Amino acid sequence: WQVYVELASKLPGFLQEKQYDAVEVFVTKAKPDSDETSATIKDWLRSSFGKNLCEVSVPESSIPQKASSEMKTVYDLSGKDISSSAYKRYKEPVDDLVSHICEQLTLSWRR
């Protein structure tokens, strides 16, 4: 993070207050909250990004790697390719994230 701040601070206007219609940070490859390191990182993200941290997080899974290795999207995988419970555990948060992004874009376009 510090490397990013050092590099970006040299860009014109970086330190100025910015207003965005629809910018959020979302967590991917999230581990369960029971993992102490994961919980600490999520707390850090909440304190760093505040209201710009999306509440939807996508869990860590082998599903995207499986899809990528077959030159498919997650939505192209069939039941015979993967465990249905693992697929559902991964796909539901992805669907929630897509819905959230669509809602935010719709709100932004209305403004």
N, C-alpha and C. Protein backbone atom coordinates (compact mmCIF):
# COMPACT_ATOMS: atom_id res chain seq x y z
N TRP A 1 0.83 -1.18 0.00
CA TRP A 1 0.00 0.00 0.00
C TRP A 1 0.88 1.25 0.00
N GLN A 2 1.92 1.24 0.80
CA GLN A 2 2.80 2.40 0.89
C GLN A 2 3.47 2.69 -0.45
N VAL A 3 3.88 1.64 -1.17
CA VAL A 3 4.49 1.83 -2.48
C VAL A 3 3.51 2.53 -3.41
N TYR A 4 2.25 2.08 -3.39
CA TYR A 4 1.22 2.72 -4.22
C TYR A 4 1.08 4.20 -3.86
N VAL A 5 0.98 4.51 -2.58
CA VAL A 5 0.80 5.89 -2.15
C VAL A 5 1.98 6.75 -2.59
N GLU A 6 3.19 6.23 -2.46
CA GLU A 6 4.37 6.99 -2.88
C GLU A 6 4.34 7.27 -4.37
N LEU A 7 4.00 6.27 -5.17
CA LEU A 7 3.95 6.46 -6.62
C LEU A 7 2.79 7.38 -7.02
N ALA A 8 1.62 7.13 -6.48
CA ALA A 8 0.43 7.88 -6.86
C ALA A 8 0.51 9.33 -6.39
N SER A 9 1.19 9.59 -5.29
CA SER A 9 1.26 10.96 -4.77
C SER A 9 2.00 11.89 -5.73
N LYS A 10 2.75 11.34 -6.66
CA LYS A 10 3.44 12.15 -7.65
C LYS A 10 2.54 12.51 -8.84
N LEU A 11 1.35 11.89 -8.90
CA LEU A 11 0.42 12.20 -9.98
C LEU A 11 -0.30 13.50 -9.69
N PRO A 12 -0.53 14.32 -10.73
CA PRO A 12 -1.24 15.59 -10.52
C PRO A 12 -2.63 15.36 -9.92
N GLY A 13 -2.94 16.09 -8.87
CA GLY A 13 -4.27 16.04 -8.27
C GLY A 13 -4.52 14.88 -7.33
N PHE A 14 -3.54 14.03 -7.09
CA PHE A 14 -3.75 12.84 -6.26
C PHE A 14 -4.19 13.20 -4.84
N LEU A 15 -3.62 14.24 -4.29
CA LEU A 15 -3.91 14.59 -2.91
C LEU A 15 -5.17 15.43 -2.75
N GLN A 16 -5.80 15.81 -3.85
CA GLN A 16 -7.04 16.59 -3.77
C GLN A 16 -8.20 15.68 -3.40
N GLU A 17 -9.18 16.27 -2.71
CA GLU A 17 -10.40 15.54 -2.36
C GLU A 17 -11.15 15.20 -3.65
N LYS A 18 -11.55 13.96 -3.80
CA LYS A 18 -12.22 13.52 -5.01
C LYS A 18 -13.65 13.09 -4.70
N GLN A 19 -14.52 13.26 -5.66
CA GLN A 19 -15.90 12.82 -5.54
C GLN A 19 -16.18 11.80 -6.64
N TYR A 20 -16.67 10.66 -6.26
CA TYR A 20 -17.00 9.62 -7.23
C TYR A 20 -18.46 9.24 -7.06
N ASP A 21 -19.10 8.90 -8.16
CA ASP A 21 -20.49 8.44 -8.09
C ASP A 21 -20.58 7.01 -7.58
N ALA A 22 -19.77 6.15 -8.13
CA ALA A 22 -19.90 4.72 -7.81
C ALA A 22 -18.52 4.07 -7.79
N VAL A 23 -17.83 4.22 -6.67
CA VAL A 23 -16.54 3.56 -6.52
C VAL A 23 -16.57 2.82 -5.20
N GLU A 24 -16.34 1.52 -5.28
CA GLU A 24 -16.27 0.71 -4.07
C GLU A 24 -15.13 -0.29 -4.20
N VAL A 25 -14.61 -0.67 -3.09
CA VAL A 25 -13.60 -1.71 -3.01
C VAL A 25 -14.32 -2.97 -2.58
N PHE A 26 -14.08 -4.07 -3.27
CA PHE A 26 -14.68 -5.32 -2.82
C PHE A 26 -13.60 -6.37 -2.65
N VAL A 27 -13.86 -7.28 -1.75
CA VAL A 27 -12.90 -8.31 -1.37
C VAL A 27 -13.16 -9.57 -2.18
N THR A 28 -12.09 -10.08 -2.77
CA THR A 28 -12.16 -11.37 -3.44
C THR A 28 -11.19 -12.31 -2.73
N LYS A 29 -11.36 -13.59 -2.95
CA LYS A 29 -10.52 -14.61 -2.31
C LYS A 29 -10.60 -14.50 -0.78
N ALA A 30 -11.78 -14.13 -0.30
CA ALA A 30 -11.97 -13.95 1.14
C ALA A 30 -11.97 -15.30 1.86
N LYS A 31 -11.30 -15.32 2.96
CA LYS A 31 -11.30 -16.51 3.81
C LYS A 31 -12.39 -16.33 4.86
N PRO A 32 -12.81 -17.42 5.49
CA PRO A 32 -13.86 -17.31 6.51
C PRO A 32 -13.47 -16.34 7.63
N ASP A 33 -14.47 -15.67 8.21
CA ASP A 33 -14.20 -14.72 9.29
C ASP A 33 -13.59 -15.38 10.52
N SER A 34 -13.71 -16.70 10.61
CA SER A 34 -13.13 -17.39 11.75
C SER A 34 -11.60 -17.39 11.70
N ASP A 35 -11.03 -17.12 10.55
CA ASP A 35 -9.58 -17.01 10.38
C ASP A 35 -9.14 -15.67 10.97
N GLU A 36 -8.28 -15.69 11.99
CA GLU A 36 -7.89 -14.45 12.70
C GLU A 36 -7.23 -13.44 11.78
N THR A 37 -6.35 -13.90 10.89
CA THR A 37 -5.68 -13.00 9.95
C THR A 37 -6.69 -12.36 9.01
N SER A 38 -7.62 -13.15 8.53
CA SER A 38 -8.65 -12.64 7.63
C SER A 38 -9.50 -11.57 8.32
N ALA A 39 -9.88 -11.82 9.55
CA ALA A 39 -10.69 -10.86 10.31
C ALA A 39 -9.92 -9.55 10.51
N THR A 40 -8.61 -9.65 10.77
CA THR A 40 -7.78 -8.45 10.95
C THR A 40 -7.70 -7.66 9.66
N ILE A 41 -7.53 -8.34 8.54
CA ILE A 41 -7.45 -7.67 7.24
C ILE A 41 -8.78 -6.99 6.92
N LYS A 42 -9.89 -7.66 7.19
CA LYS A 42 -11.20 -7.06 6.93
C LYS A 42 -11.42 -5.82 7.80
N ASP A 43 -10.96 -5.87 9.05
CA ASP A 43 -11.05 -4.68 9.93
C ASP A 43 -10.23 -3.53 9.36
N TRP A 44 -9.02 -3.84 8.88
CA TRP A 44 -8.17 -2.83 8.29
C TRP A 44 -8.84 -2.22 7.06
N LEU A 45 -9.43 -3.07 6.21
CA LEU A 45 -10.12 -2.57 5.02
C LEU A 45 -11.29 -1.67 5.40
N ARG A 46 -12.06 -2.06 6.42
CA ARG A 46 -13.20 -1.24 6.87
C ARG A 46 -12.71 0.13 7.36
N SER A 47 -11.64 0.12 8.14
CA SER A 47 -11.15 1.41 8.66
C SER A 47 -10.50 2.24 7.56
N SER A 48 -9.93 1.61 6.56
CA SER A 48 -9.28 2.34 5.47
C SER A 48 -10.27 2.89 4.46
N PHE A 49 -11.28 2.11 4.09
CA PHE A 49 -12.16 2.49 3.00
C PHE A 49 -13.55 2.90 3.45
N GLY A 50 -13.90 2.65 4.71
CA GLY A 50 -15.18 3.08 5.26
C GLY A 50 -16.36 2.72 4.39
N LYS A 51 -17.16 3.73 4.03
CA LYS A 51 -18.37 3.50 3.26
C LYS A 51 -18.08 3.03 1.83
N ASN A 52 -16.83 3.11 1.39
CA ASN A 52 -16.48 2.65 0.04
C ASN A 52 -16.11 1.17 -0.01
N LEU A 53 -16.22 0.49 1.12
CA LEU A 53 -15.97 -0.95 1.13
C LEU A 53 -17.30 -1.66 0.93
N CYS A 54 -17.39 -2.42 -0.14
CA CYS A 54 -18.60 -3.17 -0.45
C CYS A 54 -18.79 -4.28 0.59
N GLU A 55 -20.03 -4.45 1.02
CA GLU A 55 -20.33 -5.47 2.03
C GLU A 55 -20.28 -6.89 1.44
N VAL A 56 -20.41 -6.99 0.13
CA VAL A 56 -20.37 -8.31 -0.52
C VAL A 56 -18.91 -8.70 -0.73
N SER A 57 -18.54 -9.90 -0.31
CA SER A 57 -17.19 -10.40 -0.58
C SER A 57 -17.30 -11.77 -1.24
N VAL A 58 -16.35 -12.03 -2.11
CA VAL A 58 -16.34 -13.28 -2.87
C VAL A 58 -15.33 -14.22 -2.20
N PRO A 59 -15.77 -15.42 -1.85
CA PRO A 59 -14.88 -16.33 -1.11
C PRO A 59 -13.76 -16.91 -1.96
N GLU A 60 -12.73 -17.33 -1.28
CA GLU A 60 -11.64 -18.05 -1.94
C GLU A 60 -12.20 -19.38 -2.45
N SER A 61 -11.84 -19.74 -3.67
CA SER A 61 -12.37 -20.96 -4.26
C SER A 61 -11.50 -21.38 -5.44
N SER A 62 -11.55 -22.66 -5.75
CA SER A 62 -10.85 -23.16 -6.93
C SER A 62 -11.73 -23.05 -8.18
N ILE A 63 -12.98 -22.65 -8.00
CA ILE A 63 -13.94 -22.57 -9.12
C ILE A 63 -13.43 -21.63 -10.23
N PRO A 64 -12.98 -20.40 -9.94
CA PRO A 64 -12.53 -19.53 -11.03
C PRO A 64 -11.31 -20.09 -11.77
N GLN A 65 -10.41 -20.75 -11.04
CA GLN A 65 -9.25 -21.35 -11.69
C GLN A 65 -9.68 -22.48 -12.62
N LYS A 66 -10.65 -23.26 -12.16
CA LYS A 66 -11.18 -24.35 -12.97
C LYS A 66 -11.79 -23.79 -14.25
N ALA A 67 -12.59 -22.75 -14.13
CA ALA A 67 -13.22 -22.14 -15.30
C ALA A 67 -12.15 -21.58 -16.24
N SER A 68 -11.19 -20.88 -15.70
CA SER A 68 -10.14 -20.27 -16.50
C SER A 68 -9.32 -21.32 -17.24
N SER A 69 -8.99 -22.41 -16.57
CA SER A 69 -8.19 -23.46 -17.21
C SER A 69 -8.92 -24.11 -18.38
N GLU A 70 -10.25 -24.01 -18.36
CA GLU A 70 -11.06 -24.57 -19.45
C GLU A 70 -11.52 -23.49 -20.43
N MET A 71 -10.96 -22.26 -20.26
CA MET A 71 -11.33 -21.13 -21.13
C MET A 71 -12.83 -20.87 -21.06
N LYS A 72 -13.37 -20.93 -19.85
CA LYS A 72 -14.79 -20.70 -19.61
C LYS A 72 -14.94 -19.63 -18.55
N THR A 73 -16.16 -19.14 -18.40
CA THR A 73 -16.47 -18.29 -17.26
C THR A 73 -17.04 -19.20 -16.17
N VAL A 74 -17.20 -18.66 -15.00
CA VAL A 74 -17.79 -19.41 -13.90
C VAL A 74 -19.20 -19.88 -14.29
N TYR A 75 -19.90 -19.05 -15.06
CA TYR A 75 -21.27 -19.37 -15.45
C TYR A 75 -21.33 -20.45 -16.53
N ASP A 76 -20.21 -20.73 -17.20
CA ASP A 76 -20.18 -21.75 -18.24
C ASP A 76 -19.95 -23.16 -17.69
N LEU A 77 -19.48 -23.26 -16.46
CA LEU A 77 -19.20 -24.58 -15.90
C LEU A 77 -20.50 -25.35 -15.71
N SER A 78 -20.41 -26.64 -15.94
CA SER A 78 -21.61 -27.47 -15.74
C SER A 78 -21.44 -28.33 -14.50
N GLY A 79 -22.53 -28.93 -14.07
CA GLY A 79 -22.52 -29.77 -12.88
C GLY A 79 -21.55 -30.92 -12.94
N LYS A 80 -21.31 -31.42 -14.12
CA LYS A 80 -20.38 -32.55 -14.24
C LYS A 80 -18.92 -32.12 -14.05
N ASP A 81 -18.65 -30.79 -14.21
CA ASP A 81 -17.29 -30.28 -14.09
C ASP A 81 -16.84 -30.12 -12.64
N ILE A 82 -17.79 -29.82 -11.75
CA ILE A 82 -17.43 -29.44 -10.38
C ILE A 82 -18.49 -29.88 -9.38
N SER A 83 -18.13 -29.79 -8.12
CA SER A 83 -19.06 -30.09 -7.04
C SER A 83 -20.15 -29.02 -7.00
N SER A 84 -21.40 -29.45 -6.95
CA SER A 84 -22.50 -28.48 -6.97
C SER A 84 -22.51 -27.62 -5.71
N SER A 85 -22.13 -28.17 -4.57
CA SER A 85 -22.13 -27.36 -3.34
C SER A 85 -21.02 -26.31 -3.38
N ALA A 86 -19.85 -26.68 -3.89
CA ALA A 86 -18.75 -25.72 -4.01
C ALA A 86 -19.11 -24.63 -5.01
N TYR A 87 -19.75 -25.02 -6.09
CA TYR A 87 -20.16 -24.06 -7.11
C TYR A 87 -21.16 -23.07 -6.54
N LYS A 88 -22.15 -23.58 -5.80
CA LYS A 88 -23.18 -22.72 -5.21
C LYS A 88 -22.57 -21.77 -4.19
N ARG A 89 -21.63 -22.27 -3.37
CA ARG A 89 -20.97 -21.45 -2.35
C ARG A 89 -20.21 -20.29 -2.99
N TYR A 90 -19.66 -20.51 -4.18
CA TYR A 90 -18.92 -19.47 -4.86
C TYR A 90 -19.83 -18.55 -5.68
N LYS A 91 -20.77 -19.16 -6.41
CA LYS A 91 -21.59 -18.41 -7.36
C LYS A 91 -22.56 -17.45 -6.67
N GLU A 92 -23.13 -17.81 -5.55
CA GLU A 92 -24.09 -16.93 -4.87
C GLU A 92 -23.49 -15.56 -4.52
N PRO A 93 -22.30 -15.49 -3.92
CA PRO A 93 -21.71 -14.18 -3.66
C PRO A 93 -21.35 -13.42 -4.94
N VAL A 94 -20.94 -14.16 -5.98
CA VAL A 94 -20.64 -13.50 -7.26
C VAL A 94 -21.92 -12.88 -7.82
N ASP A 95 -23.01 -13.62 -7.77
CA ASP A 95 -24.31 -13.09 -8.22
C ASP A 95 -24.71 -11.86 -7.39
N ASP A 96 -24.49 -11.93 -6.07
CA ASP A 96 -24.81 -10.80 -5.19
C ASP A 96 -23.97 -9.57 -5.56
N LEU A 97 -22.69 -9.80 -5.86
CA LEU A 97 -21.82 -8.69 -6.24
C LEU A 97 -22.27 -8.07 -7.56
N VAL A 98 -22.60 -8.90 -8.53
CA VAL A 98 -23.07 -8.39 -9.82
C VAL A 98 -24.35 -7.57 -9.63
N SER A 99 -25.27 -8.07 -8.82
CA SER A 99 -26.50 -7.32 -8.54
C SER A 99 -26.21 -5.99 -7.87
N HIS A 100 -25.29 -6.01 -6.91
CA HIS A 100 -24.92 -4.78 -6.20
C HIS A 100 -24.33 -3.76 -7.17
N ILE A 101 -23.44 -4.20 -8.04
CA ILE A 101 -22.81 -3.30 -9.00
C ILE A 101 -23.87 -2.72 -9.94
N CYS A 102 -24.78 -3.56 -10.41
CA CYS A 102 -25.85 -3.07 -11.29
C CYS A 102 -26.71 -2.02 -10.58
N GLU A 103 -27.02 -2.25 -9.30
CA GLU A 103 -27.81 -1.28 -8.53
C GLU A 103 -27.06 0.04 -8.39
N GLN A 104 -25.76 -0.03 -8.11
CA GLN A 104 -24.97 1.19 -7.94
C GLN A 104 -24.86 1.96 -9.25
N LEU A 105 -24.69 1.25 -10.35
CA LEU A 105 -24.63 1.92 -11.65
C LEU A 105 -25.96 2.58 -11.99
N THR A 106 -27.04 1.90 -11.71
CA THR A 106 -28.38 2.46 -11.98
C THR A 106 -28.56 3.75 -11.17
N LEU A 107 -28.22 3.72 -9.89
CA LEU A 107 -28.32 4.92 -9.06
C LEU A 107 -27.45 6.05 -9.59
N SER A 108 -26.25 5.72 -10.01
CA SER A 108 -25.33 6.71 -10.53
C SER A 108 -25.87 7.32 -11.82
N TRP A 109 -26.40 6.51 -12.71
CA TRP A 109 -26.94 7.01 -13.97
C TRP A 109 -28.13 7.93 -13.74
N ARG A 110 -28.92 7.66 -12.71
CA ARG A 110 -30.07 8.50 -12.41
C ARG A 110 -29.65 9.89 -11.93
N ARG A 111 -28.47 9.97 -11.30
CA ARG A 111 -27.98 11.28 -10.82
C ARG A 111 -27.57 12.10 -12.01
